[in-house]
């Protein structure tokens, strides 16, 4: 396996991880921002107030985006297994 193949494989792996993680991170960011605005307007400075809504948002995101995330990961894994003979040369 030459350097170009290793770099290409690593790049595809990182892009797949970013692609799959983006919906969960985006939902967590939006919920965290909304709660921060709520805390700033009401002057409630409770540190633990953000945990439950973020956890619920991520669980909802997994329920909504889960099949898509699984499909993306399965396609990536299948492409790795189909091209494994090119990687081991």
Protein backbone atom coordinates (compact mmCIF):
# COMPACT_ATOMS: atom_id res chain seq x y z
CA UNK A 1 0.00 0.00 0.00
CA UNK A 2 1.54 3.29 -1.06
CA UNK A 3 1.32 6.66 0.65
CA UNK A 4 -1.38 7.99 -1.68
CA UNK A 5 -3.70 5.12 -0.84
CA UNK A 6 -3.15 5.55 2.90
CA UNK A 7 -3.80 9.28 2.70
CA UNK A 8 -6.92 8.76 0.59
CA UNK A 9 -8.24 6.13 2.99
CA UNK A 10 -7.56 8.34 6.01
CA UNK A 11 -9.20 11.33 4.32
CA UNK A 12 -12.31 9.32 3.45
CA UNK A 13 -12.46 7.98 7.01
CA UNK A 14 -12.24 11.42 8.59
CA UNK A 15 -14.79 12.88 6.17
CA UNK A 16 -17.21 10.03 6.91
CA UNK A 17 -16.88 10.60 10.66
CA UNK A 18 -17.46 14.34 10.24
CA UNK A 19 -20.39 13.71 7.89
CA UNK A 20 -22.06 11.32 10.34
CA UNK A 21 -21.38 13.39 13.49
CA UNK A 22 -22.53 16.73 12.09
CA UNK A 23 -26.30 16.36 12.75
CA UNK A 24 -25.78 15.45 16.41
CA UNK A 25 -23.27 18.23 16.99
CA UNK A 26 -25.47 20.73 15.19
CA UNK A 27 -28.52 19.86 17.26
CA UNK A 28 -26.50 20.05 20.46
CA UNK A 29 -25.10 23.42 19.43
CA UNK A 30 -28.53 24.86 18.60
CA UNK A 31 -30.09 23.62 21.86
CA UNK A 32 -27.13 24.88 23.87
CA UNK A 33 -27.36 28.30 22.23
CA UNK A 34 -31.10 28.52 22.88
CA UNK A 35 -30.64 27.60 26.54
CA UNK A 36 -27.78 30.09 26.88
CA UNK A 37 -30.02 32.84 25.53
CA UNK A 38 -32.77 31.73 27.93
CA UNK A 39 -30.35 31.79 30.85
CA UNK A 40 -29.06 35.22 29.88
CA UNK A 41 -32.53 36.72 29.63
CA UNK A 42 -33.82 35.20 32.87
CA UNK A 43 -30.51 35.52 34.75
CA UNK A 44 -30.67 31.90 35.84
CA UNK A 45 -27.07 30.73 35.97
CA UNK A 46 -27.52 27.05 36.65
CA UNK A 47 -24.73 24.98 35.07
CA UNK A 48 -26.69 21.73 34.95
CA UNK A 49 -29.71 23.22 33.15
CA UNK A 50 -28.25 22.49 29.71
CA UNK A 51 -27.58 18.78 30.14
CA UNK A 52 -31.08 17.31 29.94
CA UNK A 53 -32.26 19.30 26.88
CA UNK A 54 -29.02 18.53 25.03
CA UNK A 55 -29.29 14.83 25.82
CA UNK A 56 -32.92 14.79 24.67
CA UNK A 57 -32.02 16.68 21.48
CA UNK A 58 -29.23 14.23 20.67
CA UNK A 59 -31.52 11.24 21.33
CA UNK A 60 -34.16 12.79 19.08
CA UNK A 61 -31.50 13.40 16.45
CA UNK A 62 -30.39 9.77 16.65
CA UNK A 63 -34.00 8.67 16.23
CA UNK A 64 -34.43 10.92 13.18
CA UNK A 65 -30.99 10.66 11.55
CA UNK A 66 -30.10 7.15 12.76
CA UNK A 67 -31.13 5.25 9.61
CA UNK A 68 -29.26 7.73 7.42
CA UNK A 69 -26.16 7.54 9.62
CA UNK A 70 -26.27 3.76 9.56
CA UNK A 71 -26.60 3.77 5.76
CA UNK A 72 -23.59 6.07 5.37
CA UNK A 73 -21.47 3.94 7.68
CA UNK A 74 -22.56 0.72 5.99
CA UNK A 75 -21.72 2.10 2.53
CA UNK A 76 -18.28 3.17 3.76
CA UNK A 77 -17.64 -0.23 5.35
CA UNK A 78 -18.79 -2.04 2.23
CA UNK A 79 -16.50 0.06 0.06
CA UNK A 80 -13.59 -0.81 2.37
CA UNK A 81 -14.38 -4.53 2.18
CA UNK A 82 -14.87 -4.47 -1.59
CA UNK A 83 -11.53 -2.73 -2.15
CA UNK A 84 -9.51 -4.59 0.48
CA UNK A 85 -7.53 -6.50 -2.16
CA UNK A 86 -6.20 -3.16 -3.46
CA UNK A 87 -5.21 -2.07 0.04
CA UNK A 88 -3.15 -5.15 0.92
CA UNK A 89 -0.92 -5.08 -2.15
